[in-house]
Amino acid sequence: MKIGLLSDIHANLPALEAVLEDLPPVNTVVCAGDVVGYNPWPSECVERIRSVASVTVQGNHDRVVETPDRYAHNEMAHAGLKHADAELSAPQREWLRTRPERTDIAGGAYRLVHSHPDPAERDSYVYPRDFAGLRPYLDDHDGLVLGHTHVQHGATVDGRVIVNPGSVGQPRDGDPDAAYAVVDTDRNDVDLRRTAYDVDRVRRKIDAEGLPPETAKRLSQGR
């Protein structure tokens, strides 16, 4: 089975559209969370993910969209969440609110989470250097898909595949192109993919909506 892996869309519709255009044939698409936040198209991105993803887990931005002041210490995150809070419909809010924090995919063979697979470590960042430490959480699974760091990486640890597809809408690994991945669960291998998108369109919309200029600046730098 081939599964398209999306994560951290963060309300960036042009990036999401480019990824879906670039996506090769797959059996299904799943999303590792953070559909909203930062960028200017929260409603549109929720609808697109609802239409294309068979499973979506809840990211930290998805979880606090109705309480944006939790991110008052972070100007970009706070502004993006306030914008989402104002833009989303009641059914869209309910959909985000009812996403699971973790689930199994590929007939139970792979675990899908947003951040750390241990509920006690919710919202912890798991960087590529930390992947080997996730092995104890995979005794019952062939692989793990996670997001949150916006850093694309894939590895095999003790025969288990661990993959972060990177961020569709706000990469932070030095490459501004939208990131995603395709996992082949029969072969237990991962294709890490990137595609360019119209960053200027996002920048213009950010300006029009009064979101922080730094939100646009970081998109062009992939940070």
N, C-alpha and C. Protein backbone atom coordinates (compact mmCIF):
# COMPACT_ATOMS: atom_id res chain seq x y z
N MET A 1 0.83 -1.20 0.00
CA MET A 1 0.00 0.00 0.00
C MET A 1 0.87 1.26 0.00
N LYS A 2 0.51 2.23 -0.85
CA LYS A 2 1.21 3.50 -0.88
C LYS A 2 0.32 4.57 -0.24
N ILE A 3 0.91 5.30 0.72
CA ILE A 3 0.16 6.30 1.48
C ILE A 3 0.84 7.65 1.32
N GLY A 4 0.08 8.66 0.89
CA GLY A 4 0.58 10.02 0.87
C GLY A 4 0.54 10.59 2.26
N LEU A 5 1.66 11.16 2.70
CA LEU A 5 1.80 11.70 4.05
C LEU A 5 1.90 13.22 4.00
N LEU A 6 0.94 13.89 4.62
CA LEU A 6 0.94 15.35 4.72
C LEU A 6 1.00 15.74 6.19
N SER A 7 1.59 16.89 6.46
CA SER A 7 1.62 17.39 7.84
C SER A 7 1.85 18.89 7.83
N ASP A 8 1.42 19.54 8.90
CA ASP A 8 1.73 20.95 9.13
C ASP A 8 1.43 21.82 7.91
N ILE A 9 0.18 21.75 7.47
CA ILE A 9 -0.28 22.58 6.35
C ILE A 9 -0.31 24.05 6.76
N HIS A 10 -0.74 24.31 7.97
CA HIS A 10 -0.74 25.65 8.55
C HIS A 10 -1.38 26.69 7.64
N ALA A 11 -2.57 26.34 7.14
CA ALA A 11 -3.42 27.30 6.42
C ALA A 11 -2.76 27.92 5.20
N ASN A 12 -1.84 27.17 4.59
CA ASN A 12 -1.14 27.64 3.38
C ASN A 12 -1.75 26.92 2.18
N LEU A 13 -2.78 27.53 1.62
CA LEU A 13 -3.52 26.90 0.53
C LEU A 13 -2.68 26.72 -0.74
N PRO A 14 -1.92 27.70 -1.20
CA PRO A 14 -1.11 27.47 -2.41
C PRO A 14 -0.14 26.30 -2.26
N ALA A 15 0.46 26.17 -1.09
CA ALA A 15 1.37 25.04 -0.86
C ALA A 15 0.62 23.72 -0.88
N LEU A 16 -0.54 23.68 -0.25
CA LEU A 16 -1.34 22.45 -0.24
C LEU A 16 -1.78 22.08 -1.65
N GLU A 17 -2.23 23.07 -2.42
CA GLU A 17 -2.65 22.80 -3.80
C GLU A 17 -1.47 22.26 -4.63
N ALA A 18 -0.29 22.82 -4.42
CA ALA A 18 0.88 22.36 -5.17
C ALA A 18 1.25 20.93 -4.80
N VAL A 19 1.17 20.60 -3.53
CA VAL A 19 1.46 19.23 -3.08
C VAL A 19 0.47 18.24 -3.67
N LEU A 20 -0.80 18.57 -3.63
CA LEU A 20 -1.81 17.65 -4.16
C LEU A 20 -1.67 17.49 -5.67
N GLU A 21 -1.21 18.54 -6.34
CA GLU A 21 -0.95 18.45 -7.78
C GLU A 21 0.26 17.55 -8.06
N ASP A 22 1.25 17.63 -7.19
CA ASP A 22 2.50 16.88 -7.38
C ASP A 22 2.40 15.43 -6.90
N LEU A 23 1.45 15.15 -6.05
CA LEU A 23 1.32 13.84 -5.42
C LEU A 23 1.17 12.73 -6.46
N PRO A 24 2.03 11.71 -6.43
CA PRO A 24 1.88 10.59 -7.36
C PRO A 24 0.71 9.70 -6.95
N PRO A 25 0.34 8.74 -7.77
CA PRO A 25 -0.77 7.85 -7.40
C PRO A 25 -0.50 7.13 -6.08
N VAL A 26 -1.46 7.20 -5.17
CA VAL A 26 -1.37 6.52 -3.88
C VAL A 26 -2.71 5.86 -3.58
N ASN A 27 -2.71 4.95 -2.61
CA ASN A 27 -3.95 4.30 -2.22
C ASN A 27 -4.79 5.17 -1.30
N THR A 28 -4.11 5.99 -0.49
CA THR A 28 -4.82 6.88 0.42
C THR A 28 -3.88 7.99 0.87
N VAL A 29 -4.45 9.03 1.46
CA VAL A 29 -3.69 10.16 2.00
C VAL A 29 -4.05 10.32 3.46
N VAL A 30 -3.03 10.57 4.31
CA VAL A 30 -3.28 10.85 5.72
C VAL A 30 -2.58 12.15 6.09
N CYS A 31 -3.05 12.75 7.18
CA CYS A 31 -2.50 14.04 7.61
C CYS A 31 -2.10 13.95 9.08
N ALA A 32 -0.88 14.36 9.38
CA ALA A 32 -0.36 14.31 10.74
C ALA A 32 -0.60 15.59 11.52
N GLY A 33 -1.60 16.38 11.12
CA GLY A 33 -2.06 17.48 11.96
C GLY A 33 -1.50 18.85 11.64
N ASP A 34 -2.00 19.82 12.41
CA ASP A 34 -1.75 21.25 12.22
C ASP A 34 -2.19 21.69 10.83
N VAL A 35 -3.47 21.57 10.61
CA VAL A 35 -4.09 22.04 9.36
C VAL A 35 -4.14 23.57 9.36
N VAL A 36 -4.31 24.16 10.53
CA VAL A 36 -4.48 25.62 10.63
C VAL A 36 -3.30 26.25 11.35
N GLY A 37 -3.34 27.59 11.43
CA GLY A 37 -2.30 28.34 12.12
C GLY A 37 -1.38 29.05 11.16
N TYR A 38 -0.83 30.17 11.59
CA TYR A 38 0.16 30.98 10.88
C TYR A 38 -0.36 31.67 9.62
N ASN A 39 -0.82 30.91 8.64
CA ASN A 39 -1.09 31.45 7.31
C ASN A 39 -2.57 31.78 7.09
N PRO A 40 -2.94 32.37 5.94
CA PRO A 40 -4.23 33.06 5.83
C PRO A 40 -5.44 32.27 5.33
N TRP A 41 -5.31 30.96 5.06
CA TRP A 41 -6.44 30.21 4.50
C TRP A 41 -6.87 29.04 5.40
N PRO A 42 -7.22 29.27 6.64
CA PRO A 42 -7.57 28.15 7.52
C PRO A 42 -8.82 27.39 7.07
N SER A 43 -9.85 28.11 6.69
CA SER A 43 -11.11 27.47 6.30
C SER A 43 -10.93 26.62 5.05
N GLU A 44 -10.25 27.18 4.06
CA GLU A 44 -10.06 26.47 2.80
C GLU A 44 -9.21 25.22 2.99
N CYS A 45 -8.20 25.32 3.84
CA CYS A 45 -7.33 24.16 4.07
C CYS A 45 -8.05 23.07 4.85
N VAL A 46 -8.87 23.44 5.79
CA VAL A 46 -9.67 22.43 6.50
C VAL A 46 -10.54 21.67 5.50
N GLU A 47 -11.19 22.40 4.61
CA GLU A 47 -12.08 21.73 3.65
C GLU A 47 -11.30 20.83 2.69
N ARG A 48 -10.13 21.26 2.26
CA ARG A 48 -9.34 20.44 1.35
C ARG A 48 -8.85 19.17 2.04
N ILE A 49 -8.37 19.31 3.26
CA ILE A 49 -7.90 18.13 3.98
C ILE A 49 -9.05 17.19 4.29
N ARG A 50 -10.18 17.72 4.66
CA ARG A 50 -11.35 16.87 4.91
C ARG A 50 -11.73 16.08 3.66
N SER A 51 -11.51 16.67 2.49
CA SER A 51 -11.93 16.01 1.25
C SER A 51 -10.91 14.99 0.75
N VAL A 52 -9.62 15.17 1.08
CA VAL A 52 -8.60 14.29 0.49
C VAL A 52 -8.00 13.29 1.47
N ALA A 53 -8.01 13.59 2.76
CA ALA A 53 -7.34 12.72 3.73
C ALA A 53 -8.33 11.74 4.35
N SER A 54 -7.96 10.48 4.35
CA SER A 54 -8.81 9.47 4.97
C SER A 54 -8.73 9.53 6.49
N VAL A 55 -7.59 10.00 7.01
CA VAL A 55 -7.37 10.12 8.45
C VAL A 55 -6.57 11.39 8.71
N THR A 56 -6.97 12.14 9.73
CA THR A 56 -6.23 13.31 10.17
C THR A 56 -6.15 13.29 11.68
N VAL A 57 -4.94 13.42 12.23
CA VAL A 57 -4.82 13.55 13.68
C VAL A 57 -4.72 15.03 14.04
N GLN A 58 -4.92 15.31 15.30
CA GLN A 58 -4.99 16.69 15.77
C GLN A 58 -3.61 17.22 16.13
N GLY A 59 -3.26 18.35 15.54
CA GLY A 59 -2.01 19.02 15.90
C GLY A 59 -2.23 20.01 17.03
N ASN A 60 -1.15 20.55 17.55
CA ASN A 60 -1.27 21.48 18.67
C ASN A 60 -2.00 22.76 18.28
N HIS A 61 -1.82 23.26 17.06
CA HIS A 61 -2.56 24.44 16.62
C HIS A 61 -4.03 24.10 16.41
N ASP A 62 -4.32 22.95 15.89
CA ASP A 62 -5.71 22.53 15.72
C ASP A 62 -6.42 22.46 17.07
N ARG A 63 -5.68 22.04 18.08
CA ARG A 63 -6.27 21.83 19.40
C ARG A 63 -6.63 23.14 20.11
N VAL A 64 -5.88 24.22 19.83
CA VAL A 64 -6.07 25.46 20.60
C VAL A 64 -6.65 26.58 19.75
N VAL A 65 -7.23 26.24 18.59
CA VAL A 65 -7.69 27.30 17.70
C VAL A 65 -8.74 28.19 18.35
N GLU A 66 -9.51 27.67 19.28
CA GLU A 66 -10.53 28.49 19.94
C GLU A 66 -10.01 29.19 21.19
N THR A 67 -8.75 28.94 21.52
CA THR A 67 -8.12 29.61 22.67
C THR A 67 -6.75 30.14 22.24
N PRO A 68 -6.73 31.06 21.27
CA PRO A 68 -5.45 31.51 20.70
C PRO A 68 -4.54 32.20 21.69
N ASP A 69 -5.07 32.72 22.78
CA ASP A 69 -4.22 33.42 23.75
C ASP A 69 -3.23 32.49 24.44
N ARG A 70 -3.40 31.19 24.27
CA ARG A 70 -2.39 30.27 24.79
C ARG A 70 -1.05 30.48 24.11
N TYR A 71 -1.08 31.09 22.93
CA TYR A 71 0.15 31.37 22.19
C TYR A 71 0.45 32.87 22.15
N ALA A 72 -0.01 33.58 23.16
CA ALA A 72 0.22 35.03 23.20
C ALA A 72 1.70 35.37 23.26
N HIS A 73 2.53 34.44 23.69
CA HIS A 73 3.98 34.67 23.78
C HIS A 73 4.66 34.59 22.42
N ASN A 74 3.94 34.12 21.40
CA ASN A 74 4.52 33.92 20.06
C ASN A 74 3.68 34.72 19.07
N GLU A 75 4.19 35.86 18.61
CA GLU A 75 3.37 36.78 17.79
C GLU A 75 2.83 36.11 16.54
N MET A 76 3.67 35.36 15.82
CA MET A 76 3.22 34.75 14.57
C MET A 76 2.17 33.68 14.82
N ALA A 77 2.41 32.81 15.80
CA ALA A 77 1.45 31.75 16.11
C ALA A 77 0.15 32.34 16.62
N HIS A 78 0.26 33.34 17.49
CA HIS A 78 -0.93 33.96 18.08
C HIS A 78 -1.79 34.62 17.01
N ALA A 79 -1.16 35.36 16.11
CA ALA A 79 -1.91 36.03 15.05
C ALA A 79 -2.58 35.03 14.12
N GLY A 80 -1.88 33.97 13.77
CA GLY A 80 -2.46 32.96 12.89
C GLY A 80 -3.63 32.24 13.53
N LEU A 81 -3.54 31.97 14.82
CA LEU A 81 -4.64 31.30 15.51
C LEU A 81 -5.84 32.23 15.68
N LYS A 82 -5.58 33.51 15.95
CA LYS A 82 -6.70 34.47 16.04
C LYS A 82 -7.40 34.58 14.69
N HIS A 83 -6.63 34.57 13.62
CA HIS A 83 -7.22 34.63 12.28
C HIS A 83 -8.07 33.38 12.02
N ALA A 84 -7.55 32.22 12.39
CA ALA A 84 -8.31 30.98 12.21
C ALA A 84 -9.58 30.99 13.05
N ASP A 85 -9.46 31.47 14.28
CA ASP A 85 -10.61 31.53 15.17
C ASP A 85 -11.73 32.38 14.56
N ALA A 86 -11.34 33.43 13.86
CA ALA A 86 -12.33 34.32 13.23
C ALA A 86 -12.89 33.75 11.94
N GLU A 87 -12.12 32.93 11.23
CA GLU A 87 -12.50 32.48 9.90
C GLU A 87 -13.26 31.15 9.87
N LEU A 88 -12.99 30.27 10.79
CA LEU A 88 -13.55 28.92 10.71
C LEU A 88 -15.03 28.89 11.06
N SER A 89 -15.77 28.04 10.37
CA SER A 89 -17.19 27.84 10.68
C SER A 89 -17.33 26.91 11.88
N ALA A 90 -18.53 26.86 12.44
CA ALA A 90 -18.78 25.96 13.57
C ALA A 90 -18.51 24.50 13.21
N PRO A 91 -18.96 24.00 12.05
CA PRO A 91 -18.64 22.61 11.70
C PRO A 91 -17.14 22.37 11.53
N GLN A 92 -16.42 23.35 11.01
CA GLN A 92 -14.98 23.19 10.86
C GLN A 92 -14.28 23.14 12.22
N ARG A 93 -14.73 23.96 13.13
CA ARG A 93 -14.19 23.93 14.49
C ARG A 93 -14.44 22.57 15.14
N GLU A 94 -15.66 22.08 14.97
CA GLU A 94 -16.02 20.78 15.55
C GLU A 94 -15.16 19.68 14.97
N TRP A 95 -14.91 19.74 13.67
CA TRP A 95 -14.07 18.72 13.04
C TRP A 95 -12.67 18.74 13.63
N LEU A 96 -12.08 19.92 13.78
CA LEU A 96 -10.75 20.01 14.38
C LEU A 96 -10.77 19.51 15.82
N ARG A 97 -11.81 19.87 16.55
CA ARG A 97 -11.91 19.51 17.96
C ARG A 97 -12.02 18.00 18.16
N THR A 98 -12.58 17.31 17.19
CA THR A 98 -12.85 15.88 17.35
C THR A 98 -11.80 14.99 16.68
N ARG A 99 -10.72 15.55 16.17
CA ARG A 99 -9.67 14.72 15.60
C ARG A 99 -8.95 13.97 16.72
N PRO A 100 -8.60 12.71 16.51
CA PRO A 100 -7.83 11.98 17.52
C PRO A 100 -6.41 12.51 17.59
N GLU A 101 -5.77 12.33 18.73
CA GLU A 101 -4.36 12.75 18.85
C GLU A 101 -3.42 11.70 18.28
N ARG A 102 -3.88 10.48 18.17
CA ARG A 102 -3.05 9.40 17.60
C ARG A 102 -3.97 8.31 17.10
N THR A 103 -3.52 7.60 16.10
CA THR A 103 -4.32 6.50 15.57
C THR A 103 -3.40 5.59 14.77
N ASP A 104 -3.95 4.47 14.31
CA ASP A 104 -3.20 3.54 13.48
C ASP A 104 -3.70 3.64 12.03
N ILE A 105 -2.78 3.42 11.11
CA ILE A 105 -3.10 3.41 9.68
C ILE A 105 -2.52 2.14 9.06
N ALA A 106 -2.80 1.93 7.79
CA ALA A 106 -2.28 0.76 7.06
C ALA A 106 -2.65 -0.53 7.77
N GLY A 107 -3.92 -0.63 8.16
CA GLY A 107 -4.39 -1.84 8.82
C GLY A 107 -3.76 -2.08 10.16
N GLY A 108 -3.32 -1.02 10.82
CA GLY A 108 -2.70 -1.13 12.13
C GLY A 108 -1.20 -1.26 12.10
N ALA A 109 -0.60 -1.30 10.91
CA ALA A 109 0.84 -1.51 10.81
C ALA A 109 1.66 -0.26 11.18
N TYR A 110 1.10 0.91 10.94
CA TYR A 110 1.81 2.16 11.20
C TYR A 110 1.03 2.99 12.22
N ARG A 111 1.78 3.71 13.06
CA ARG A 111 1.20 4.64 14.02
C ARG A 111 1.27 6.05 13.43
N LEU A 112 0.21 6.83 13.59
CA LEU A 112 0.15 8.20 13.11
C LEU A 112 -0.09 9.13 14.29
N VAL A 113 0.83 10.07 14.52
CA VAL A 113 0.71 11.05 15.60
C VAL A 113 1.13 12.41 15.05
N HIS A 114 0.94 13.46 15.86
CA HIS A 114 1.44 14.76 15.43
C HIS A 114 2.85 15.01 15.95
N SER A 115 3.06 14.72 17.22
CA SER A 115 4.38 14.98 17.79
C SER A 115 4.97 13.69 18.35
N HIS A 116 5.13 13.59 19.65
CA HIS A 116 5.74 12.40 20.25
C HIS A 116 4.68 11.31 20.42
N PRO A 117 5.02 10.04 20.19
CA PRO A 117 4.03 8.97 20.33
C PRO A 117 3.60 8.68 21.76
N ASP A 118 4.35 9.15 22.75
CA ASP A 118 3.98 8.97 24.16
C ASP A 118 3.04 10.10 24.57
N PRO A 119 1.81 9.80 25.00
CA PRO A 119 0.89 10.86 25.41
C PRO A 119 1.46 11.78 26.49
N ALA A 120 2.33 11.25 27.32
CA ALA A 120 2.94 12.07 28.37
C ALA A 120 3.91 13.10 27.80
N GLU A 121 4.32 12.90 26.55
CA GLU A 121 5.26 13.82 25.89
C GLU A 121 4.58 14.66 24.81
N ARG A 122 3.28 14.82 24.93
CA ARG A 122 2.52 15.57 23.92
C ARG A 122 3.14 16.94 23.68
N ASP A 123 3.27 17.29 22.43
CA ASP A 123 3.83 18.56 21.97
C ASP A 123 5.34 18.62 22.05
N SER A 124 5.99 17.54 22.46
CA SER A 124 7.46 17.51 22.42
C SER A 124 7.94 17.44 20.97
N TYR A 125 9.02 18.12 20.69
CA TYR A 125 9.60 18.09 19.34
C TYR A 125 10.52 16.88 19.21
N VAL A 126 10.30 16.11 18.16
CA VAL A 126 11.14 14.94 17.87
C VAL A 126 11.90 15.23 16.59
N TYR A 127 13.17 15.58 16.73
CA TYR A 127 14.00 15.90 15.58
C TYR A 127 14.67 14.63 15.04
N PRO A 128 15.23 14.70 13.83
CA PRO A 128 15.87 13.51 13.26
C PRO A 128 16.86 12.82 14.20
N ARG A 129 17.60 13.60 14.97
CA ARG A 129 18.57 13.01 15.89
C ARG A 129 17.90 12.18 17.00
N ASP A 130 16.59 12.40 17.19
CA ASP A 130 15.86 11.71 18.25
C ASP A 130 15.15 10.45 17.77
N PHE A 131 15.19 10.18 16.46
CA PHE A 131 14.39 9.08 15.92
C PHE A 131 14.76 7.73 16.54
N ALA A 132 16.03 7.49 16.77
CA ALA A 132 16.44 6.19 17.32
C ALA A 132 15.81 5.94 18.69
N GLY A 133 15.56 7.01 19.44
CA GLY A 133 14.97 6.87 20.77
C GLY A 133 13.50 6.50 20.76
N LEU A 134 12.88 6.49 19.57
CA LEU A 134 11.46 6.14 19.48
C LEU A 134 11.24 4.64 19.34
N ARG A 135 12.31 3.87 19.18
CA ARG A 135 12.17 2.43 18.97
C ARG A 135 11.30 1.75 20.03
N PRO A 136 11.40 2.08 21.34
CA PRO A 136 10.56 1.39 22.34
C PRO A 136 9.05 1.57 22.14
N TYR A 137 8.66 2.58 21.37
CA TYR A 137 7.23 2.83 21.15
C TYR A 137 6.68 2.09 19.94
N LEU A 138 7.52 1.28 19.29
CA LEU A 138 7.12 0.67 18.02
C LEU A 138 7.08 -0.85 18.06
N ASP A 139 7.02 -1.45 19.23
CA ASP A 139 6.99 -2.91 19.30
C ASP A 139 5.81 -3.51 18.54
N ASP A 140 4.69 -2.78 18.51
CA ASP A 140 3.48 -3.32 17.86
C ASP A 140 3.24 -2.73 16.48
N HIS A 141 4.22 -2.02 15.93
CA HIS A 141 4.03 -1.36 14.64
C HIS A 141 5.26 -1.52 13.76
N ASP A 142 5.02 -1.48 12.46
CA ASP A 142 6.13 -1.50 11.49
C ASP A 142 6.70 -0.12 11.24
N GLY A 143 5.95 0.91 11.61
CA GLY A 143 6.42 2.25 11.33
C GLY A 143 5.66 3.31 12.09
N LEU A 144 6.19 4.52 12.04
CA LEU A 144 5.61 5.66 12.74
C LEU A 144 5.69 6.88 11.83
N VAL A 145 4.59 7.63 11.76
CA VAL A 145 4.53 8.89 11.02
C VAL A 145 4.24 10.00 12.03
N LEU A 146 5.04 11.06 12.00
CA LEU A 146 4.84 12.19 12.91
C LEU A 146 5.24 13.48 12.21
N GLY A 147 4.86 14.61 12.79
CA GLY A 147 5.17 15.91 12.23
C GLY A 147 5.73 16.84 13.28
N HIS A 148 5.18 18.05 13.36
CA HIS A 148 5.41 19.02 14.43
C HIS A 148 6.69 19.83 14.28
N THR A 149 7.81 19.22 13.91
CA THR A 149 9.06 19.97 13.83
C THR A 149 9.20 20.76 12.52
N HIS A 150 8.43 20.39 11.50
CA HIS A 150 8.53 20.99 10.17
C HIS A 150 9.87 20.64 9.51
N VAL A 151 10.52 19.59 9.97
CA VAL A 151 11.80 19.14 9.43
C VAL A 151 11.59 17.77 8.79
N GLN A 152 11.80 17.70 7.49
CA GLN A 152 11.57 16.45 6.75
C GLN A 152 12.70 15.46 7.00
N HIS A 153 12.32 14.21 7.31
CA HIS A 153 13.33 13.20 7.54
C HIS A 153 12.68 11.82 7.56
N GLY A 154 13.41 10.84 7.07
CA GLY A 154 12.98 9.45 7.15
C GLY A 154 14.14 8.59 7.59
N ALA A 155 13.84 7.55 8.37
CA ALA A 155 14.89 6.65 8.86
C ALA A 155 14.28 5.28 9.11
N THR A 156 15.15 4.28 9.13
CA THR A 156 14.74 2.94 9.53
C THR A 156 15.51 2.59 10.80
N VAL A 157 14.78 2.28 11.86
CA VAL A 157 15.36 1.96 13.15
C VAL A 157 14.94 0.55 13.53
N ASP A 158 15.90 -0.37 13.53
CA ASP A 158 15.59 -1.76 13.90
C ASP A 158 14.48 -2.33 13.01
N GLY A 159 14.52 -1.99 11.73
CA GLY A 159 13.53 -2.50 10.81
C GLY A 159 12.22 -1.74 10.81
N ARG A 160 12.08 -0.74 11.68
CA ARG A 160 10.86 0.08 11.73
C ARG A 160 11.11 1.41 11.01
N VAL A 161 10.15 1.81 10.19
CA VAL A 161 10.25 3.07 9.47
C VAL A 161 9.72 4.20 10.34
N ILE A 162 10.48 5.27 10.45
CA ILE A 162 10.04 6.48 11.14
C ILE A 162 10.18 7.63 10.15
N VAL A 163 9.10 8.36 9.95
CA VAL A 163 9.14 9.42 8.94
C VAL A 163 8.38 10.65 9.41
N ASN A 164 9.02 11.79 9.21
CA ASN A 164 8.36 13.08 9.29
C ASN A 164 8.31 13.63 7.87
N PRO A 165 7.12 13.75 7.28
CA PRO A 165 7.05 14.20 5.88
C PRO A 165 7.45 15.64 5.68
N GLY A 166 7.72 16.36 6.78
CA GLY A 166 8.02 17.77 6.69
C GLY A 166 6.73 18.59 6.64
N SER A 167 6.88 19.87 6.50
CA SER A 167 5.73 20.76 6.51
C SER A 167 5.30 21.16 5.10
N VAL A 168 4.02 20.97 4.82
CA VAL A 168 3.46 21.47 3.57
C VAL A 168 3.54 23.00 3.54
N GLY A 169 3.12 23.63 4.63
CA GLY A 169 2.87 25.07 4.59
C GLY A 169 3.84 25.97 5.29
N GLN A 170 4.85 25.40 6.01
CA GLN A 170 5.84 26.26 6.65
C GLN A 170 7.11 25.45 6.95
N PRO A 171 7.85 25.05 5.92
CA PRO A 171 9.08 24.27 6.14
C PRO A 171 10.07 25.03 7.01
N ARG A 172 10.79 24.27 7.84
CA ARG A 172 11.80 24.87 8.71
C ARG A 172 13.14 24.14 8.61
N ASP A 173 13.40 23.53 7.48
CA ASP A 173 14.65 22.79 7.33
C ASP A 173 15.56 23.42 6.28
N GLY A 174 15.34 24.70 6.00
CA GLY A 174 16.20 25.42 5.07
C GLY A 174 15.79 25.34 3.62
N ASP A 175 14.76 24.56 3.32
CA ASP A 175 14.25 24.42 1.95
C ASP A 175 12.84 24.99 1.92
N PRO A 176 12.60 26.07 1.16
CA PRO A 176 11.28 26.69 1.17
C PRO A 176 10.20 25.92 0.42
N ASP A 177 10.58 24.92 -0.37
CA ASP A 177 9.57 24.16 -1.12
C ASP A 177 8.69 23.34 -0.17
N ALA A 178 7.42 23.22 -0.53
CA ALA A 178 6.46 22.45 0.27
C ALA A 178 6.92 20.99 0.36
N ALA A 179 6.82 20.43 1.55
CA ALA A 179 7.33 19.08 1.80
C ALA A 179 6.19 18.10 2.05
N TYR A 180 6.38 16.88 1.59
CA TYR A 180 5.47 15.79 1.91
C TYR A 180 6.21 14.49 1.62
N ALA A 181 5.55 13.36 1.81
CA ALA A 181 6.22 12.08 1.59
C ALA A 181 5.20 11.03 1.15
N VAL A 182 5.73 9.95 0.60
CA VAL A 182 4.92 8.78 0.26
C VAL A 182 5.61 7.56 0.88
N VAL A 183 4.85 6.80 1.65
CA VAL A 183 5.40 5.58 2.24
C VAL A 183 4.78 4.36 1.55
N ASP A 184 5.61 3.39 1.23
CA ASP A 184 5.16 2.11 0.69
C ASP A 184 5.21 1.12 1.84
N THR A 185 4.06 0.78 2.39
CA THR A 185 4.03 -0.07 3.58
C THR A 185 4.35 -1.53 3.27
N ASP A 186 4.25 -1.94 2.01
CA ASP A 186 4.63 -3.30 1.65
C ASP A 186 6.15 -3.46 1.63
N ARG A 187 6.82 -2.42 1.18
CA ARG A 187 8.29 -2.47 1.08
C ARG A 187 8.96 -1.79 2.27
N ASN A 188 8.16 -1.10 3.10
CA ASN A 188 8.69 -0.35 4.24
C ASN A 188 9.77 0.65 3.80
N ASP A 189 9.44 1.43 2.76
CA ASP A 189 10.36 2.48 2.38
C ASP A 189 9.60 3.78 2.14
N VAL A 190 10.34 4.88 2.12
CA VAL A 190 9.74 6.21 2.10
C VAL A 190 10.37 7.04 0.99
N ASP A 191 9.53 7.76 0.28
CA ASP A 191 9.96 8.72 -0.74
C ASP A 191 9.69 10.12 -0.19
N LEU A 192 10.74 10.84 0.18
CA LEU A 192 10.62 12.21 0.67
C LEU A 192 10.56 13.16 -0.52
N ARG A 193 9.54 13.99 -0.59
CA ARG A 193 9.30 14.78 -1.79
C ARG A 193 9.15 16.28 -1.46
N ARG A 194 9.51 17.12 -2.45
CA ARG A 194 9.34 18.57 -2.32
C ARG A 194 8.75 19.10 -3.63
N THR A 195 8.02 20.21 -3.50
CA THR A 195 7.51 20.88 -4.70
C THR A 195 7.43 22.38 -4.44
N ALA A 196 7.76 23.15 -5.45
CA ALA A 196 7.69 24.61 -5.34
C ALA A 196 6.23 25.06 -5.41
N TYR A 197 5.97 26.23 -4.86
CA TYR A 197 4.63 26.82 -4.94
C TYR A 197 4.76 28.34 -4.96
N ASP A 198 3.65 29.02 -5.13
CA ASP A 198 3.64 30.47 -5.30
C ASP A 198 3.71 31.17 -3.94
N VAL A 199 4.94 31.37 -3.45
CA VAL A 199 5.12 32.02 -2.15
C VAL A 199 4.65 33.47 -2.20
N ASP A 200 4.80 34.13 -3.35
CA ASP A 200 4.36 35.52 -3.46
C ASP A 200 2.86 35.65 -3.25
N ARG A 201 2.09 34.68 -3.71
CA ARG A 201 0.64 34.70 -3.49
C ARG A 201 0.33 34.66 -1.99
N VAL A 202 1.08 33.87 -1.27
CA VAL A 202 0.88 33.79 0.18
C VAL A 202 1.28 35.10 0.84
N ARG A 203 2.40 35.65 0.41
CA ARG A 203 2.87 36.91 0.98
C ARG A 203 1.83 38.02 0.80
N ARG A 204 1.25 38.10 -0.40
CA ARG A 204 0.24 39.13 -0.65
C ARG A 204 -0.98 38.95 0.26
N LYS A 205 -1.39 37.72 0.44
CA LYS A 205 -2.55 37.44 1.28
C LYS A 205 -2.24 37.72 2.75
N ILE A 206 -1.04 37.39 3.18
CA ILE A 206 -0.63 37.70 4.55
C ILE A 206 -0.71 39.20 4.79
N ASP A 207 -0.22 39.98 3.85
CA ASP A 207 -0.27 41.44 3.96
C ASP A 207 -1.72 41.92 3.99
N ALA A 208 -2.55 41.37 3.13
CA ALA A 208 -3.94 41.80 3.04
C ALA A 208 -4.71 41.50 4.32
N GLU A 209 -4.36 40.41 4.99
CA GLU A 209 -5.08 40.01 6.21
C GLU A 209 -4.46 40.61 7.47
N GLY A 210 -3.37 41.35 7.31
CA GLY A 210 -2.75 41.99 8.46
C GLY A 210 -2.00 41.02 9.38
N LEU A 211 -1.57 39.89 8.84
CA LEU A 211 -0.77 38.95 9.62
C LEU A 211 0.68 39.44 9.69
N PRO A 212 1.46 38.97 10.65
CA PRO A 212 2.82 39.50 10.82
C PRO A 212 3.69 39.32 9.57
N PRO A 213 4.41 40.34 9.14
CA PRO A 213 5.29 40.22 7.97
C PRO A 213 6.31 39.09 8.12
N GLU A 214 6.73 38.80 9.34
CA GLU A 214 7.72 37.74 9.55
C GLU A 214 7.18 36.38 9.12
N THR A 215 5.86 36.21 9.16
CA THR A 215 5.25 34.96 8.71
C THR A 215 5.55 34.73 7.24
N ALA A 216 5.47 35.79 6.44
CA ALA A 216 5.78 35.68 5.01
C ALA A 216 7.28 35.53 4.78
N LYS A 217 8.06 36.27 5.53
CA LYS A 217 9.53 36.25 5.36
C LYS A 217 10.08 34.84 5.56
N ARG A 218 9.59 34.16 6.58
CA ARG A 218 10.16 32.84 6.88
C ARG A 218 9.81 31.82 5.80
N LEU A 219 8.69 32.03 5.08
CA LEU A 219 8.32 31.08 4.03
C LEU A 219 9.36 31.06 2.92
N SER A 220 9.86 32.23 2.54
CA SER A 220 10.84 32.30 1.46
C SER A 220 12.20 31.78 1.89
N GLN A 221 12.41 31.66 3.20
CA GLN A 221 13.68 31.19 3.71
C GLN A 221 13.64 29.74 4.17
N GLY A 222 12.46 29.18 4.25
CA GLY A 222 12.33 27.80 4.71
C GLY A 222 12.81 27.61 6.14
N ARG A 223 12.37 28.55 7.01
CA ARG A 223 12.85 28.45 8.39
C ARG A 223 11.68 28.69 9.39
